[in-house]
């Protein structure tokens, strides 16, 4: 029986402790092209994802896979300022980052927020009606939403269905796969600036190195609350960034001396109440303004924490309530 073409990549990754090696960028790109073209057996796909997961994906592997994934995206003439991935869902705190995105959109910043279903966590799709989010059901709907609201939210399945399907393999594999990293780097709207949230600090330098290698204009990589692109005001914030070909790092101290407890049960109506000024929540306001400050840094509208946070607070005080 003739060997399947994809077996080449599995052999490289799984040849044993002394025989295996990382894929180079070209190999990783070819492997992902085959996966996205539906040319891989499900057993091969599961083995590929788990071999990468156990080994830990290298910069070249993630770069190659990302190149293939981006090549498979829909063609778009839309222009975005900020890419905002949202794939973790929230469990302990409300998704304050959605108010941050709304606040930035009121300043004319064009944002694409892309997401996917997450079980047992509060997610973007659950809040479309409560927060009146500008949801695009199809890729072709983006233009109308962005023109009307300056930002739009869309499910990954409407952008790249095969990538969306691979994220759902977590329920079969039992753990996250490298695809959960890849979608955070996807930037489907080709935005000039990116927010890249991570679950684990170990991914910070890898993700920045990938975006630096692909000459991303600006990107900030940081550990967000619950894995989302949201400032945790109770914790020290470490940022790894690339901008105009330069790598740099920053540390922002916690905004509070004492940590706040979780907000369980999560009531989405509290988000709207805070936005309208009907309730007060010091943690929520700090999370919103802190997240806006991070975005302003990525967009190049501020060069340091103090300037960014002061500007974010001004936006919050001057927000249009609707």
Protein backbone atom coordinates (compact mmCIF):
# COMPACT_ATOMS: atom_id res chain seq x y z
CA UNK A 1 0.00 0.00 0.00
CA UNK A 2 1.34 3.43 -0.93
CA UNK A 3 2.18 5.74 1.95
CA UNK A 4 -0.14 8.68 2.48
CA UNK A 5 1.61 12.02 1.67
CA UNK A 6 0.79 13.43 5.12
CA UNK A 7 2.64 10.56 6.82
CA UNK A 8 5.88 12.45 6.12
CA UNK A 9 5.02 15.07 8.71
CA UNK A 10 3.87 12.56 11.33
CA UNK A 11 7.13 10.64 10.93
CA UNK A 12 9.19 13.82 11.47
CA UNK A 13 7.28 14.69 14.64
CA UNK A 14 6.87 11.19 16.06
CA UNK A 15 9.98 9.21 15.22
CA UNK A 16 10.98 8.79 18.83
CA UNK A 17 13.01 10.67 21.40
CA UNK A 18 16.20 10.74 19.33
CA UNK A 19 14.73 10.68 15.83
CA UNK A 20 12.03 13.33 15.94
CA UNK A 21 12.54 17.01 15.20
CA UNK A 22 10.54 20.18 14.67
CA UNK A 23 8.98 20.85 11.30
CA UNK A 24 10.62 23.67 9.42
CA UNK A 25 8.47 26.55 8.22
CA UNK A 26 7.89 25.12 4.75
CA UNK A 27 6.93 21.70 6.12
CA UNK A 28 4.50 23.21 8.60
CA UNK A 29 2.93 25.33 5.88
CA UNK A 30 2.53 22.34 3.54
CA UNK A 31 1.03 20.25 6.34
CA UNK A 32 -1.54 22.91 7.19
CA UNK A 33 -2.39 23.43 3.52
CA UNK A 34 -3.24 19.74 3.27
CA UNK A 35 -5.33 19.89 6.45
CA UNK A 36 -7.32 22.90 5.30
CA UNK A 37 -7.85 21.32 1.89
CA UNK A 38 -9.42 18.26 3.53
CA UNK A 39 -6.65 15.95 2.31
CA UNK A 40 -5.88 14.43 5.72
CA UNK A 41 -7.48 11.43 7.42
CA UNK A 42 -9.11 12.26 10.80
CA UNK A 43 -6.71 9.86 12.55
CA UNK A 44 -3.76 11.69 10.99
CA UNK A 45 -5.14 15.06 12.05
CA UNK A 46 -5.58 13.93 15.66
CA UNK A 47 -2.06 12.49 15.73
CA UNK A 48 -0.59 15.66 14.21
CA UNK A 49 -2.26 17.95 16.72
CA UNK A 50 -1.30 15.84 19.70
CA UNK A 51 2.32 15.38 18.61
CA UNK A 52 2.63 19.15 18.34
CA UNK A 53 0.86 19.61 21.65
CA UNK A 54 3.14 17.22 23.55
CA UNK A 55 6.31 18.57 21.94
CA UNK A 56 5.26 22.21 22.00
CA UNK A 57 5.01 24.07 18.72
CA UNK A 58 8.13 25.93 17.58
CA UNK A 59 8.18 29.43 16.12
CA UNK A 60 8.77 28.03 12.62
CA UNK A 61 5.94 25.53 12.98
CA UNK A 62 3.45 28.12 14.15
CA UNK A 63 4.64 30.58 11.49
CA UNK A 64 4.26 28.04 8.70
CA UNK A 65 0.81 26.94 9.84
CA UNK A 66 -0.27 30.56 10.18
CA UNK A 67 0.87 31.36 6.64
CA UNK A 68 -1.26 28.51 5.31
CA UNK A 69 -4.26 29.52 7.42
CA UNK A 70 -4.06 33.13 6.31
CA UNK A 71 -3.84 32.06 2.67
CA UNK A 72 -7.14 30.20 3.15
CA UNK A 73 -9.01 33.24 4.46
CA UNK A 74 -11.69 35.05 2.44
CA UNK A 75 -10.51 37.90 0.26
CA UNK A 76 -11.44 41.23 1.82
CA UNK A 77 -11.14 44.88 0.87
CA UNK A 78 -12.17 46.00 4.36
CA UNK A 79 -9.72 48.00 6.45
CA UNK A 80 -9.40 47.36 10.19
CA UNK A 81 -7.31 49.14 12.80
CA UNK A 82 -7.38 46.50 15.53
CA UNK A 83 -7.65 42.70 15.54
CA UNK A 84 -9.35 41.26 18.64
CA UNK A 85 -9.50 37.46 19.11
CA UNK A 86 -11.95 36.14 21.73
CA UNK A 87 -11.72 32.37 22.08
CA UNK A 88 -11.51 31.65 25.81
CA UNK A 89 -14.88 32.60 27.27
CA UNK A 90 -15.24 33.94 30.80
CA UNK A 91 -15.81 31.97 33.99
CA UNK A 92 -14.86 34.13 37.00
CA UNK A 93 -15.41 37.65 35.69
CA UNK A 94 -17.73 39.24 33.16
CA UNK A 95 -16.35 39.97 29.66
CA UNK A 96 -15.52 43.61 30.36
CA UNK A 97 -13.44 43.66 27.19
CA UNK A 98 -16.67 43.98 25.17
CA UNK A 99 -17.29 47.37 26.77
CA UNK A 100 -13.67 48.27 26.02
CA UNK A 101 -14.17 47.41 22.35
CA UNK A 102 -17.37 49.48 22.26
CA UNK A 103 -15.55 52.41 23.86
CA UNK A 104 -12.75 52.27 21.29
CA UNK A 105 -15.25 51.98 18.45
CA UNK A 106 -16.84 55.23 19.61
CA UNK A 107 -13.47 56.85 18.91
CA UNK A 108 -13.65 55.69 15.30
CA UNK A 109 -11.26 52.76 15.75
CA UNK A 110 -12.30 49.97 13.39
CA UNK A 111 -12.21 46.63 15.22
CA UNK A 112 -12.76 43.04 14.10
CA UNK A 113 -13.58 40.72 17.00
CA UNK A 114 -13.57 37.03 16.01
CA UNK A 115 -14.65 34.20 18.26
CA UNK A 116 -15.84 30.59 18.51
CA UNK A 117 -18.14 28.62 20.84
CA UNK A 118 -16.80 27.71 24.29
CA UNK A 119 -18.81 25.36 26.46
CA UNK A 120 -19.47 26.12 30.13
CA UNK A 121 -18.15 29.68 29.82
CA UNK A 122 -19.81 33.01 29.07
CA UNK A 123 -18.98 33.83 25.47
CA UNK A 124 -19.51 36.56 22.91
CA UNK A 125 -22.37 34.81 21.13
CA UNK A 126 -24.33 34.65 24.41
CA UNK A 127 -24.28 38.46 24.69
CA UNK A 128 -25.32 39.58 21.21
CA UNK A 129 -28.88 40.46 22.29
CA UNK A 130 -28.11 41.74 25.80
CA UNK A 131 -25.37 44.10 24.66
CA UNK A 132 -26.72 44.69 21.15
CA UNK A 133 -23.40 43.62 19.70
CA UNK A 134 -22.74 44.28 16.00
CA UNK A 135 -22.83 40.61 15.00
CA UNK A 136 -22.00 39.57 11.44
CA UNK A 137 -23.59 36.20 10.66
CA UNK A 138 -21.59 35.92 7.43
CA UNK A 139 -18.30 37.31 6.15
CA UNK A 140 -20.27 39.36 3.61
CA UNK A 141 -22.11 41.09 6.49
CA UNK A 142 -18.96 42.62 7.96
CA UNK A 143 -18.92 45.75 5.82
CA UNK A 144 -22.40 46.83 6.90
CA UNK A 145 -21.70 46.20 10.58
CA UNK A 146 -18.37 48.02 10.58
CA UNK A 147 -19.69 50.97 8.62
CA UNK A 148 -22.59 51.31 11.06
CA UNK A 149 -20.78 50.66 14.35
CA UNK A 150 -17.02 50.93 13.62
CA UNK A 151 -16.64 47.35 14.91
CA UNK A 152 -18.03 43.92 14.26
CA UNK A 153 -18.10 40.47 15.87
CA UNK A 154 -18.02 37.28 13.82
CA UNK A 155 -17.76 33.55 14.46
CA UNK A 156 -14.71 31.73 13.12
CA UNK A 157 -17.00 29.31 11.27
CA UNK A 158 -18.04 32.22 9.03
CA UNK A 159 -14.38 32.96 8.29
CA UNK A 160 -12.65 29.58 8.00
CA UNK A 161 -14.94 26.60 8.76
CA UNK A 162 -12.15 23.98 8.90
CA UNK A 163 -10.26 25.95 11.54
CA UNK A 164 -13.48 26.28 13.53
CA UNK A 165 -14.01 22.52 13.32
CA UNK A 166 -10.48 21.87 14.58
CA UNK A 167 -11.08 24.00 17.66
CA UNK A 168 -14.03 21.78 18.54
CA UNK A 169 -11.76 18.71 18.53
CA UNK A 170 -10.85 19.66 22.09
CA UNK A 171 -13.86 17.63 23.23
CA UNK A 172 -12.43 14.53 21.52
CA UNK A 173 -8.77 15.10 22.36
CA UNK A 174 -9.32 16.23 25.94
CA UNK A 175 -6.90 19.17 25.70
CA UNK A 176 -6.41 22.31 23.65
CA UNK A 177 -4.40 21.94 20.47
CA UNK A 178 -2.00 24.36 18.71
CA UNK A 179 -5.03 25.61 16.77
CA UNK A 180 -6.05 27.55 19.86
CA UNK A 181 -2.81 29.49 19.53
CA UNK A 182 -3.08 29.85 15.77
CA UNK A 183 -6.54 31.46 15.75
CA UNK A 184 -5.33 34.15 18.14
CA UNK A 185 -2.67 35.08 15.59
CA UNK A 186 -4.94 34.79 12.54
CA UNK A 187 -5.83 38.47 12.08
CA UNK A 188 -8.49 37.73 9.42
CA UNK A 189 -9.17 41.42 8.79
CA UNK A 190 -5.49 42.22 8.19
CA UNK A 191 -5.59 44.87 10.92
CA UNK A 192 -2.50 47.00 11.44
CA UNK A 193 -2.56 46.44 15.22
CA UNK A 194 -3.30 43.25 17.18
CA UNK A 195 -4.17 42.24 20.71
CA UNK A 196 -2.93 38.69 21.38
CA UNK A 197 -4.17 37.17 24.64
CA UNK A 198 -2.52 34.03 26.00
CA UNK A 199 -3.40 31.50 28.70
CA UNK A 200 0.16 30.71 29.76
CA UNK A 201 3.14 33.11 30.00
CA UNK A 202 5.36 30.54 28.24
CA UNK A 203 3.59 31.37 24.95
CA UNK A 204 4.32 35.09 25.16
CA UNK A 205 7.71 35.14 23.42
CA UNK A 206 6.73 32.46 20.87
CA UNK A 207 3.68 34.35 19.68
CA UNK A 208 5.56 37.61 19.47
CA UNK A 209 8.37 35.95 17.51
CA UNK A 210 5.85 34.59 14.98
CA UNK A 211 4.26 37.99 14.41
CA UNK A 212 7.66 39.66 14.25
CA UNK A 213 8.77 37.14 11.62
CA UNK A 214 5.66 37.95 9.56
CA UNK A 215 6.34 41.69 9.91
CA UNK A 216 3.12 42.53 11.72
CA UNK A 217 2.94 46.31 12.06
CA UNK A 218 2.04 46.21 15.75
CA UNK A 219 1.04 43.50 18.21
CA UNK A 220 0.84 43.23 22.00
CA UNK A 221 0.99 39.77 23.57
CA UNK A 222 -0.13 39.45 27.18
CA UNK A 223 -1.81 37.13 29.67
CA UNK A 224 -5.38 38.34 29.77
CA UNK A 225 -8.04 37.64 32.39
CA UNK A 226 -9.36 34.14 31.74
CA UNK A 227 -7.34 33.96 28.53
CA UNK A 228 -9.18 36.85 26.87
CA UNK A 229 -7.77 40.17 25.65
CA UNK A 230 -8.74 41.91 28.86
CA UNK A 231 -6.67 43.63 31.55
CA UNK A 232 -6.84 41.99 34.95
CA UNK A 233 -6.57 45.07 37.19
CA UNK A 234 -5.71 42.91 40.20
CA UNK A 235 -2.52 41.50 38.65
CA UNK A 236 0.84 42.65 37.33
CA UNK A 237 0.62 42.97 33.55
CA UNK A 238 3.56 41.84 31.43
CA UNK A 239 3.48 42.86 27.77
CA UNK A 240 5.64 41.51 24.97
CA UNK A 241 5.30 43.66 21.88
CA UNK A 242 6.47 44.15 18.34
CA UNK A 243 6.02 47.40 16.46
CA UNK A 244 7.57 48.51 13.19
CA UNK A 245 10.16 45.73 13.41
CA UNK A 246 11.21 46.53 16.98
CA UNK A 247 10.73 44.19 19.94
CA UNK A 248 10.02 45.63 23.37
CA UNK A 249 8.60 44.67 26.75
CA UNK A 250 6.68 46.49 29.46
CA UNK A 251 5.38 45.82 32.96
CA UNK A 252 2.34 47.56 34.39
CA UNK A 253 1.68 47.18 38.13
CA UNK A 254 -1.63 45.98 39.52
CA UNK A 255 -4.25 48.72 39.84
CA UNK A 256 -5.49 47.48 43.23
CA UNK A 257 -3.62 46.36 46.33
CA UNK A 258 -6.23 43.73 47.25
CA UNK A 259 -7.67 41.23 44.80
CA UNK A 260 -11.37 41.20 44.04
CA UNK A 261 -13.39 38.04 44.32
CA UNK A 262 -15.03 36.33 41.37
CA UNK A 263 -18.29 37.72 40.05
CA UNK A 264 -20.12 34.38 39.95
CA UNK A 265 -22.85 33.97 39.01
CA UNK A 266 -22.10 36.06 35.93
CA UNK A 267 -25.00 38.34 35.07
CA UNK A 268 -24.56 39.93 31.61
CA UNK A 269 -27.11 42.62 32.48
CA UNK A 270 -24.53 44.08 34.86
CA UNK A 271 -22.37 45.02 31.87
CA UNK A 272 -25.12 47.12 30.37
CA UNK A 273 -26.00 48.63 33.76
CA UNK A 274 -22.41 49.78 34.29
CA UNK A 275 -22.24 51.21 30.77
CA UNK A 276 -25.42 53.21 31.36
CA UNK A 277 -24.26 54.42 34.75
CA UNK A 278 -27.00 52.54 36.58
CA UNK A 279 -24.52 50.64 38.77
CA UNK A 280 -20.98 51.01 40.08
CA UNK A 281 -18.18 48.45 39.91
CA UNK A 282 -14.60 49.57 40.53
CA UNK A 283 -13.19 46.34 39.16
CA UNK A 284 -15.31 46.57 36.01
CA UNK A 285 -14.35 50.17 35.26
CA UNK A 286 -10.68 49.40 35.86
CA UNK A 287 -10.87 46.33 33.61
CA UNK A 288 -12.49 48.35 30.83
CA UNK A 289 -10.12 51.31 31.07
CA UNK A 290 -7.09 49.03 31.51
CA UNK A 291 -8.04 47.07 28.40
CA UNK A 292 -8.59 50.25 26.40
CA UNK A 293 -5.15 51.43 27.55
CA UNK A 294 -3.51 48.25 26.22
CA UNK A 295 -5.28 48.72 22.89
CA UNK A 296 -4.17 52.35 22.67
CA UNK A 297 -0.58 51.22 23.18
CA UNK A 298 -0.90 48.69 20.36
CA UNK A 299 -2.50 51.30 18.10
CA UNK A 300 0.32 53.74 18.79
CA UNK A 301 -2.05 56.32 20.28
CA UNK A 302 -0.11 56.29 23.55
CA UNK A 303 3.49 55.42 24.38
CA UNK A 304 3.27 54.61 28.09
CA UNK A 305 0.87 53.32 30.71
CA UNK A 306 0.08 56.65 32.35
CA UNK A 307 -0.83 58.38 29.08
CA UNK A 308 -2.82 55.41 27.83
CA UNK A 309 -4.80 54.94 31.04
CA UNK A 310 -5.57 58.66 31.40
CA UNK A 311 -6.87 58.72 27.83
CA UNK A 312 -8.94 55.58 28.47
CA UNK A 313 -10.51 57.15 31.55
CA UNK A 314 -11.41 60.20 29.50
CA UNK A 315 -13.08 58.02 26.89
CA UNK A 316 -15.04 56.29 29.65
CA UNK A 317 -16.26 59.55 31.16
CA UNK A 318 -17.25 60.90 27.73
CA UNK A 319 -18.85 57.69 26.40
CA UNK A 320 -22.10 57.89 24.50
CA UNK A 321 -24.74 55.88 26.36
CA UNK A 322 -27.25 54.19 24.08
